């Protein structure tokens, strides 16, 4: 029996990112794993200081083995057992799983115009000496 929940793993490169799941769960530092209902679809936002945030949608699907399990359930448990497993999500799996984010570094911010002007003035003064 597959059950109505599944472990979903969240990981990132670099490791140590925060992963906020739209269901309300928060992983303070990747990698981490949460047990989630098989019939839930959600999004997760990965964030880490110095890197751009990344959002990933996690859906569900019936795997090849899930269809076979459903057919076996019909034979062993009858139509009622198959209907229960179909209605409670026991035949579903999350995809992607694991959920992996490659975080891109934030672009460096250009120095403020005033700072560049001050540096230019200092360079001119230094060269005059």
N, C-alpha and C. Protein backbone atom coordinates (compact mmCIF):
# COMPACT_ATOMS: atom_id res chain seq x y z
N UNK A 1 0.84 -1.18 0.00
CA UNK A 1 0.00 0.00 0.00
C UNK A 1 0.88 1.24 0.00
N UNK A 2 0.57 2.19 -0.88
CA UNK A 2 1.39 3.37 -1.05
C UNK A 2 1.09 4.46 -0.04
N UNK A 3 -0.08 4.55 0.47
CA UNK A 3 -0.43 5.59 1.42
C UNK A 3 -0.78 6.89 0.72
N UNK A 4 -1.26 7.84 1.49
CA UNK A 4 -1.74 9.11 0.93
C UNK A 4 -0.71 10.22 1.02
N UNK A 5 0.48 9.93 1.58
CA UNK A 5 1.53 10.94 1.67
C UNK A 5 2.79 10.43 1.00
N UNK A 6 3.67 11.38 0.67
CA UNK A 6 4.94 11.05 0.02
C UNK A 6 6.01 12.00 0.52
N UNK A 7 7.23 11.50 0.71
CA UNK A 7 8.35 12.35 1.07
C UNK A 7 8.82 13.09 -0.18
N UNK A 8 8.90 14.42 -0.08
CA UNK A 8 9.39 15.26 -1.17
C UNK A 8 10.65 15.95 -0.66
N UNK A 9 11.74 15.82 -1.43
CA UNK A 9 13.03 16.38 -1.04
C UNK A 9 13.26 17.69 -1.79
N UNK A 10 13.79 18.69 -1.08
CA UNK A 10 14.12 19.99 -1.62
C UNK A 10 15.62 20.20 -1.49
N UNK A 11 16.28 20.52 -2.60
CA UNK A 11 17.73 20.70 -2.60
C UNK A 11 18.08 21.86 -3.52
N UNK A 12 19.27 22.42 -3.33
CA UNK A 12 19.68 23.55 -4.15
C UNK A 12 21.20 23.56 -4.32
N UNK A 13 21.61 24.28 -5.35
CA UNK A 13 23.02 24.57 -5.55
C UNK A 13 23.13 26.08 -5.67
N UNK A 14 23.80 26.74 -4.74
CA UNK A 14 24.48 26.18 -3.59
C UNK A 14 23.49 25.71 -2.52
N UNK A 15 23.97 24.78 -1.69
CA UNK A 15 23.15 24.28 -0.58
C UNK A 15 22.95 25.40 0.44
N UNK A 16 22.01 25.22 1.33
CA UNK A 16 21.79 26.18 2.40
C UNK A 16 20.78 27.26 2.08
N UNK A 17 20.04 27.09 0.98
CA UNK A 17 19.00 28.06 0.62
C UNK A 17 17.75 27.81 1.46
N UNK A 18 16.92 28.83 1.60
CA UNK A 18 15.62 28.68 2.23
C UNK A 18 14.63 28.24 1.17
N UNK A 19 13.80 27.26 1.48
CA UNK A 19 12.76 26.80 0.56
C UNK A 19 11.41 27.02 1.23
N UNK A 20 10.58 27.89 0.63
CA UNK A 20 9.24 28.19 1.16
C UNK A 20 8.20 27.54 0.27
N UNK A 21 7.48 26.59 0.83
CA UNK A 21 6.47 25.84 0.09
C UNK A 21 5.13 26.57 0.23
N UNK A 22 4.37 26.62 -0.85
CA UNK A 22 3.09 27.35 -0.83
C UNK A 22 2.09 26.73 0.14
N UNK A 23 2.35 25.53 0.64
CA UNK A 23 1.48 24.91 1.63
C UNK A 23 1.73 25.48 3.03
N UNK A 24 2.79 26.31 3.16
CA UNK A 24 3.11 26.91 4.45
C UNK A 24 4.36 26.35 5.11
N UNK A 25 4.88 25.25 4.62
CA UNK A 25 6.09 24.68 5.21
C UNK A 25 7.31 25.49 4.77
N UNK A 26 8.30 25.57 5.68
CA UNK A 26 9.52 26.31 5.38
C UNK A 26 10.71 25.45 5.76
N UNK A 27 11.63 25.30 4.82
CA UNK A 27 12.91 24.64 5.07
C UNK A 27 13.94 25.75 5.22
N UNK A 28 14.55 25.86 6.36
CA UNK A 28 15.48 26.96 6.62
C UNK A 28 16.79 26.82 5.85
N UNK A 29 17.21 25.59 5.57
CA UNK A 29 18.47 25.37 4.84
C UNK A 29 18.41 24.05 4.08
N UNK A 30 18.46 24.15 2.75
CA UNK A 30 18.44 22.94 1.93
C UNK A 30 19.75 22.19 2.08
N UNK A 31 19.73 20.86 1.95
CA UNK A 31 18.61 19.99 1.57
C UNK A 31 17.73 19.66 2.77
N UNK A 32 16.46 19.34 2.46
CA UNK A 32 15.51 18.93 3.49
C UNK A 32 14.40 18.11 2.82
N UNK A 33 13.62 17.42 3.63
CA UNK A 33 12.54 16.57 3.13
C UNK A 33 11.30 16.80 3.97
N UNK A 34 10.15 16.94 3.29
CA UNK A 34 8.86 17.06 3.96
C UNK A 34 7.95 15.94 3.49
N UNK A 35 7.07 15.48 4.38
CA UNK A 35 6.03 14.52 4.02
C UNK A 35 4.79 15.32 3.62
N UNK A 36 4.36 15.16 2.37
CA UNK A 36 3.24 15.93 1.84
C UNK A 36 2.17 15.02 1.28
N UNK A 37 0.91 15.47 1.29
CA UNK A 37 -0.16 14.65 0.70
C UNK A 37 0.11 14.41 -0.78
N UNK A 38 -0.08 13.18 -1.21
CA UNK A 38 0.18 12.82 -2.61
C UNK A 38 -0.68 13.60 -3.59
N UNK A 39 -1.85 14.04 -3.17
CA UNK A 39 -2.74 14.74 -4.11
C UNK A 39 -2.54 16.25 -4.11
N UNK A 40 -1.50 16.75 -3.40
CA UNK A 40 -1.28 18.20 -3.35
C UNK A 40 -0.30 18.65 -4.44
N UNK A 41 -0.68 19.74 -5.11
CA UNK A 41 0.22 20.41 -6.04
C UNK A 41 0.58 21.74 -5.40
N UNK A 42 1.81 22.19 -5.58
CA UNK A 42 2.25 23.39 -4.88
C UNK A 42 3.43 24.01 -5.61
N UNK A 43 3.81 25.19 -5.17
CA UNK A 43 5.03 25.82 -5.68
C UNK A 43 5.98 26.03 -4.51
N UNK A 44 7.24 26.13 -4.84
CA UNK A 44 8.26 26.35 -3.81
C UNK A 44 9.19 27.45 -4.31
N UNK A 45 9.52 28.39 -3.40
CA UNK A 45 10.43 29.47 -3.73
C UNK A 45 11.73 29.24 -2.95
N UNK A 46 12.83 29.15 -3.70
CA UNK A 46 14.16 29.01 -3.11
C UNK A 46 14.80 30.39 -3.07
N UNK A 47 15.42 30.73 -1.94
CA UNK A 47 16.10 32.02 -1.83
C UNK A 47 17.34 31.87 -0.96
N UNK A 48 18.32 32.70 -1.28
CA UNK A 48 19.58 32.73 -0.51
C UNK A 48 20.19 34.11 -0.76
N UNK A 49 20.67 34.78 0.30
CA UNK A 49 21.27 36.09 0.11
C UNK A 49 22.39 36.04 -0.94
N UNK A 50 22.36 37.04 -1.84
CA UNK A 50 23.37 37.11 -2.89
C UNK A 50 22.99 36.36 -4.16
N UNK A 51 21.80 35.70 -4.14
CA UNK A 51 21.34 34.91 -5.30
C UNK A 51 19.93 35.31 -5.67
N UNK A 52 19.60 35.12 -6.94
CA UNK A 52 18.25 35.39 -7.42
C UNK A 52 17.31 34.30 -6.91
N UNK A 53 16.08 34.68 -6.53
CA UNK A 53 15.08 33.70 -6.12
C UNK A 53 14.69 32.84 -7.31
N UNK A 54 14.30 31.62 -7.01
CA UNK A 54 13.79 30.74 -8.06
C UNK A 54 12.52 30.06 -7.55
N UNK A 55 11.48 30.06 -8.38
CA UNK A 55 10.22 29.41 -8.04
C UNK A 55 10.03 28.19 -8.95
N UNK A 56 9.63 27.08 -8.33
CA UNK A 56 9.41 25.84 -9.08
C UNK A 56 8.03 25.29 -8.71
N UNK A 57 7.26 24.91 -9.74
CA UNK A 57 5.95 24.29 -9.53
C UNK A 57 6.13 22.78 -9.41
N UNK A 58 5.45 22.18 -8.45
CA UNK A 58 5.49 20.73 -8.26
C UNK A 58 4.08 20.21 -8.49
N UNK A 59 3.94 19.37 -9.50
CA UNK A 59 2.64 18.79 -9.84
C UNK A 59 2.57 17.33 -9.41
N UNK A 60 1.52 16.68 -9.86
CA UNK A 60 1.35 15.25 -9.56
C UNK A 60 1.05 14.51 -10.86
N UNK A 61 1.36 13.23 -10.86
CA UNK A 61 1.04 12.37 -12.00
C UNK A 61 0.88 10.94 -11.51
N UNK A 62 0.24 10.12 -12.32
CA UNK A 62 0.12 8.69 -12.02
C UNK A 62 1.29 8.00 -12.69
N UNK A 63 2.22 7.44 -11.91
CA UNK A 63 3.37 6.76 -12.51
C UNK A 63 2.94 5.45 -13.15
N UNK A 64 3.82 4.89 -13.96
CA UNK A 64 3.53 3.61 -14.60
C UNK A 64 3.16 2.57 -13.55
N UNK A 65 3.91 2.51 -12.47
CA UNK A 65 3.62 1.54 -11.40
C UNK A 65 2.32 1.84 -10.68
N UNK A 66 1.92 3.11 -10.66
CA UNK A 66 0.67 3.49 -10.00
C UNK A 66 -0.53 2.92 -10.71
N UNK A 67 -0.48 2.90 -12.04
CA UNK A 67 -1.57 2.32 -12.82
C UNK A 67 -1.67 0.83 -12.59
N UNK A 68 -0.50 0.17 -12.50
CA UNK A 68 -0.49 -1.27 -12.24
C UNK A 68 -1.01 -1.56 -10.83
N UNK A 69 -0.62 -0.70 -9.89
CA UNK A 69 -1.10 -0.88 -8.52
C UNK A 69 -2.61 -0.71 -8.46
N UNK A 70 -3.13 0.25 -9.23
CA UNK A 70 -4.57 0.45 -9.27
C UNK A 70 -5.27 -0.78 -9.84
N UNK A 71 -4.72 -1.34 -10.91
CA UNK A 71 -5.31 -2.55 -11.50
C UNK A 71 -5.27 -3.70 -10.51
N UNK A 72 -4.14 -3.83 -9.79
CA UNK A 72 -4.03 -4.89 -8.78
C UNK A 72 -5.02 -4.67 -7.65
N UNK A 73 -5.23 -3.43 -7.30
CA UNK A 73 -6.18 -3.11 -6.24
C UNK A 73 -7.60 -3.50 -6.66
N UNK A 74 -7.92 -3.29 -7.93
CA UNK A 74 -9.24 -3.69 -8.42
C UNK A 74 -9.42 -5.19 -8.26
N UNK A 75 -8.38 -5.96 -8.61
CA UNK A 75 -8.46 -7.42 -8.50
C UNK A 75 -8.53 -7.87 -7.04
N UNK A 76 -7.67 -7.29 -6.17
CA UNK A 76 -7.60 -7.74 -4.79
C UNK A 76 -8.67 -7.10 -3.90
N UNK A 77 -8.90 -5.80 -4.09
CA UNK A 77 -9.79 -5.10 -3.17
C UNK A 77 -11.11 -4.70 -3.78
N UNK A 78 -11.26 -4.98 -5.04
CA UNK A 78 -12.52 -4.65 -5.69
C UNK A 78 -12.59 -3.20 -6.11
N UNK A 79 -13.70 -2.87 -6.67
CA UNK A 79 -13.93 -1.52 -7.19
C UNK A 79 -13.88 -0.48 -6.07
N UNK A 80 -14.38 -0.84 -4.89
CA UNK A 80 -14.41 0.14 -3.78
C UNK A 80 -12.99 0.53 -3.38
N UNK A 81 -12.08 -0.44 -3.26
CA UNK A 81 -10.69 -0.15 -2.90
C UNK A 81 -10.02 0.72 -3.94
N UNK A 82 -10.26 0.42 -5.21
CA UNK A 82 -9.68 1.21 -6.29
C UNK A 82 -10.23 2.63 -6.28
N UNK A 83 -11.51 2.78 -6.01
CA UNK A 83 -12.12 4.11 -5.96
C UNK A 83 -11.55 4.92 -4.82
N UNK A 84 -11.33 4.28 -3.67
CA UNK A 84 -10.76 4.99 -2.51
C UNK A 84 -9.35 5.46 -2.83
N UNK A 85 -8.50 4.58 -3.38
CA UNK A 85 -7.12 4.97 -3.70
C UNK A 85 -7.09 6.08 -4.75
N UNK A 86 -7.99 6.04 -5.71
CA UNK A 86 -8.02 7.08 -6.73
C UNK A 86 -8.48 8.40 -6.14
N UNK A 87 -9.44 8.37 -5.25
CA UNK A 87 -9.99 9.62 -4.71
C UNK A 87 -9.09 10.27 -3.67
N UNK A 88 -8.29 9.49 -2.95
CA UNK A 88 -7.45 10.08 -1.90
C UNK A 88 -6.03 10.37 -2.36
N UNK A 89 -5.73 10.12 -3.63
CA UNK A 89 -4.42 10.46 -4.18
C UNK A 89 -3.36 9.40 -4.00
N UNK A 90 -3.70 8.23 -3.48
CA UNK A 90 -2.69 7.20 -3.23
C UNK A 90 -2.01 6.72 -4.51
N UNK A 91 -2.62 6.93 -5.66
CA UNK A 91 -2.02 6.50 -6.93
C UNK A 91 -1.08 7.55 -7.51
N UNK A 92 -0.98 8.72 -6.88
CA UNK A 92 -0.20 9.84 -7.44
C UNK A 92 1.21 9.92 -6.88
N UNK A 93 2.09 10.56 -7.65
CA UNK A 93 3.44 10.91 -7.21
C UNK A 93 3.70 12.36 -7.57
N UNK A 94 4.57 13.01 -6.79
CA UNK A 94 4.96 14.40 -7.08
C UNK A 94 6.04 14.42 -8.15
N UNK A 95 5.97 15.43 -9.01
CA UNK A 95 7.01 15.61 -10.00
C UNK A 95 7.28 17.10 -10.18
N UNK A 96 8.53 17.57 -10.09
CA UNK A 96 9.73 16.77 -9.88
C UNK A 96 9.88 16.39 -8.41
N UNK A 97 10.55 15.31 -8.16
CA UNK A 97 10.92 14.87 -6.82
C UNK A 97 12.18 14.03 -6.95
N UNK A 98 13.32 14.54 -6.50
CA UNK A 98 13.51 15.74 -5.69
C UNK A 98 13.30 17.03 -6.49
N UNK A 99 13.00 18.10 -5.73
CA UNK A 99 12.84 19.43 -6.31
C UNK A 99 14.21 20.11 -6.16
N UNK A 100 14.85 20.43 -7.30
CA UNK A 100 16.22 20.96 -7.26
C UNK A 100 16.28 22.32 -7.94
N UNK A 101 16.86 23.29 -7.25
CA UNK A 101 17.01 24.64 -7.80
C UNK A 101 18.49 24.98 -7.91
N UNK A 102 18.88 25.47 -9.09
CA UNK A 102 20.22 26.01 -9.27
C UNK A 102 20.09 27.52 -9.20
N UNK A 103 20.60 28.10 -8.13
CA UNK A 103 20.45 29.54 -7.91
C UNK A 103 21.56 30.31 -8.61
N UNK A 104 21.17 31.36 -9.31
CA UNK A 104 22.11 32.21 -10.04
C UNK A 104 22.51 33.40 -9.16
N UNK A 105 23.80 33.75 -9.15
CA UNK A 105 24.22 34.92 -8.36
C UNK A 105 23.53 36.19 -8.86
N UNK A 106 23.24 37.09 -7.92
CA UNK A 106 22.68 38.38 -8.30
C UNK A 106 23.75 39.17 -9.03
N UNK A 107 23.34 40.00 -9.99
CA UNK A 107 24.29 40.85 -10.71
C UNK A 107 24.86 41.88 -9.75
N UNK A 108 26.17 42.14 -9.83
CA UNK A 108 26.72 43.16 -8.94
C UNK A 108 26.12 44.52 -9.26
N UNK A 109 25.87 45.28 -8.23
CA UNK A 109 25.28 46.61 -8.39
C UNK A 109 26.39 47.61 -8.73
N UNK A 110 26.18 48.45 -9.74
CA UNK A 110 27.19 49.46 -10.07
C UNK A 110 27.32 50.47 -8.93
N UNK A 111 28.52 50.99 -8.78
CA UNK A 111 28.75 51.99 -7.73
C UNK A 111 27.89 53.22 -8.03
N UNK A 112 27.38 53.89 -7.02
CA UNK A 112 26.61 55.11 -7.25
C UNK A 112 27.45 56.14 -8.02
N UNK A 113 26.78 56.96 -8.79
CA UNK A 113 27.47 57.96 -9.62
C UNK A 113 28.36 58.85 -8.77
N UNK A 114 27.91 59.25 -7.60
CA UNK A 114 28.70 60.13 -6.72
C UNK A 114 30.01 59.45 -6.35
N UNK A 115 29.96 58.16 -6.04
CA UNK A 115 31.16 57.42 -5.65
C UNK A 115 32.14 57.34 -6.81
N UNK A 116 31.66 57.09 -8.02
CA UNK A 116 32.55 57.01 -9.19
C UNK A 116 33.21 58.37 -9.44
N UNK A 117 32.44 59.44 -9.29
CA UNK A 117 32.97 60.79 -9.50
C UNK A 117 34.06 61.07 -8.47
N UNK A 118 33.83 60.69 -7.23
CA UNK A 118 34.80 60.90 -6.16
C UNK A 118 36.09 60.12 -6.45
N UNK A 119 35.95 58.86 -6.92
CA UNK A 119 37.13 58.06 -7.25
C UNK A 119 37.91 58.70 -8.39
N UNK A 120 37.21 59.20 -9.41
CA UNK A 120 37.85 59.84 -10.55
C UNK A 120 38.62 61.08 -10.09
N UNK A 121 38.00 61.86 -9.21
CA UNK A 121 38.67 63.05 -8.70
C UNK A 121 39.92 62.67 -7.90
N UNK A 122 39.84 61.59 -7.13
CA UNK A 122 40.98 61.13 -6.35
C UNK A 122 42.10 60.64 -7.26
N UNK A 123 41.74 59.95 -8.35
CA UNK A 123 42.75 59.47 -9.28
C UNK A 123 43.46 60.63 -9.95
N UNK A 124 42.72 61.66 -10.33
CA UNK A 124 43.32 62.85 -10.93
C UNK A 124 44.25 63.53 -9.93
N UNK A 125 43.81 63.64 -8.69
CA UNK A 125 44.64 64.28 -7.65
C UNK A 125 45.91 63.46 -7.41
N UNK A 126 45.79 62.13 -7.37
CA UNK A 126 46.96 61.27 -7.15
C UNK A 126 47.96 61.39 -8.29
N UNK A 127 47.48 61.49 -9.52
CA UNK A 127 48.39 61.57 -10.67
C UNK A 127 49.07 62.92 -10.75
N UNK A 128 48.50 63.94 -10.16
CA UNK A 128 49.09 65.27 -10.18
C UNK A 128 50.24 65.38 -9.18
N UNK A 129 50.30 64.50 -8.23
CA UNK A 129 51.34 64.59 -7.20
C UNK A 129 52.63 64.00 -7.64
